[in-house]
């Protein structure tokens, strides 16, 4: 039973990697873009939290 389960997972990854190879560098570019967008969002939220803490006296 476990052999069939892990074999199925292996076949899925083999199938997945065939299509990832065809995409070449696109997944890497997408991950980098998503990472930079998330970083920009996080930094803007952190700046807002710092400003709010300064105004309320919570940041020393």
Protein backbone atom coordinates (compact mmCIF):
# COMPACT_ATOMS: atom_id res chain seq x y z
CA UNK A 1 0.00 0.00 0.00
CA UNK A 2 2.73 2.49 0.93
CA UNK A 3 4.73 1.44 -2.12
CA UNK A 4 1.83 2.41 -4.39
CA UNK A 5 1.39 5.71 -2.52
CA UNK A 6 5.03 6.78 -2.80
CA UNK A 7 5.24 5.50 -6.37
CA UNK A 8 2.29 7.71 -7.27
CA UNK A 9 3.98 10.72 -5.68
CA UNK A 10 7.14 9.94 -7.67
CA UNK A 11 5.21 9.72 -10.94
CA UNK A 12 3.51 13.03 -10.19
CA UNK A 13 6.85 14.77 -9.65
CA UNK A 14 8.30 13.24 -12.82
CA UNK A 15 5.32 14.58 -14.75
CA UNK A 16 5.62 17.97 -13.03
CA UNK A 17 9.35 18.33 -13.74
CA UNK A 18 8.81 17.65 -17.46
CA UNK A 19 6.61 20.74 -17.67
CA UNK A 20 8.86 22.80 -15.41
CA UNK A 21 11.77 22.08 -17.79
CA UNK A 22 9.67 23.30 -20.72
CA UNK A 23 8.97 26.57 -18.89
CA UNK A 24 12.75 27.13 -18.56
CA UNK A 25 13.39 30.23 -16.45
CA UNK A 26 9.81 31.46 -16.07
CA UNK A 27 9.16 29.89 -12.61
CA UNK A 28 12.33 31.49 -11.25
CA UNK A 29 11.34 34.90 -12.59
CA UNK A 30 7.83 34.57 -11.15
CA UNK A 31 9.16 33.59 -7.70
CA UNK A 32 11.53 36.56 -7.71
CA UNK A 33 8.76 38.98 -8.72
CA UNK A 34 6.40 37.58 -6.07
CA UNK A 35 9.18 37.86 -3.49
CA UNK A 36 9.87 41.51 -4.31
CA UNK A 37 6.17 42.38 -4.23
CA UNK A 38 5.81 40.67 -0.85
CA UNK A 39 8.92 42.48 0.44
CA UNK A 40 7.59 45.87 -0.69
CA UNK A 41 4.23 45.16 0.98
CA UNK A 42 5.88 44.02 4.19
CA UNK A 43 8.17 47.07 4.34
CA UNK A 44 5.27 49.47 3.73
CA UNK A 45 3.21 47.78 6.46
CA UNK A 46 6.20 47.88 8.84
CA UNK A 47 6.70 51.61 8.17
CA UNK A 48 3.01 52.20 8.92
CA UNK A 49 3.25 50.22 12.18
CA UNK A 50 6.39 52.11 13.21
CA UNK A 51 4.71 55.47 12.52
CA UNK A 52 1.63 54.42 14.47
CA UNK A 53 3.76 53.24 17.41
CA UNK A 54 5.75 56.48 17.43
CA UNK A 55 2.57 58.56 17.54
CA UNK A 56 1.09 56.52 20.40
CA UNK A 57 4.37 56.39 22.31
CA UNK A 58 4.72 52.63 22.01
CA UNK A 59 8.10 52.71 20.32
CA UNK A 60 11.07 53.84 22.39
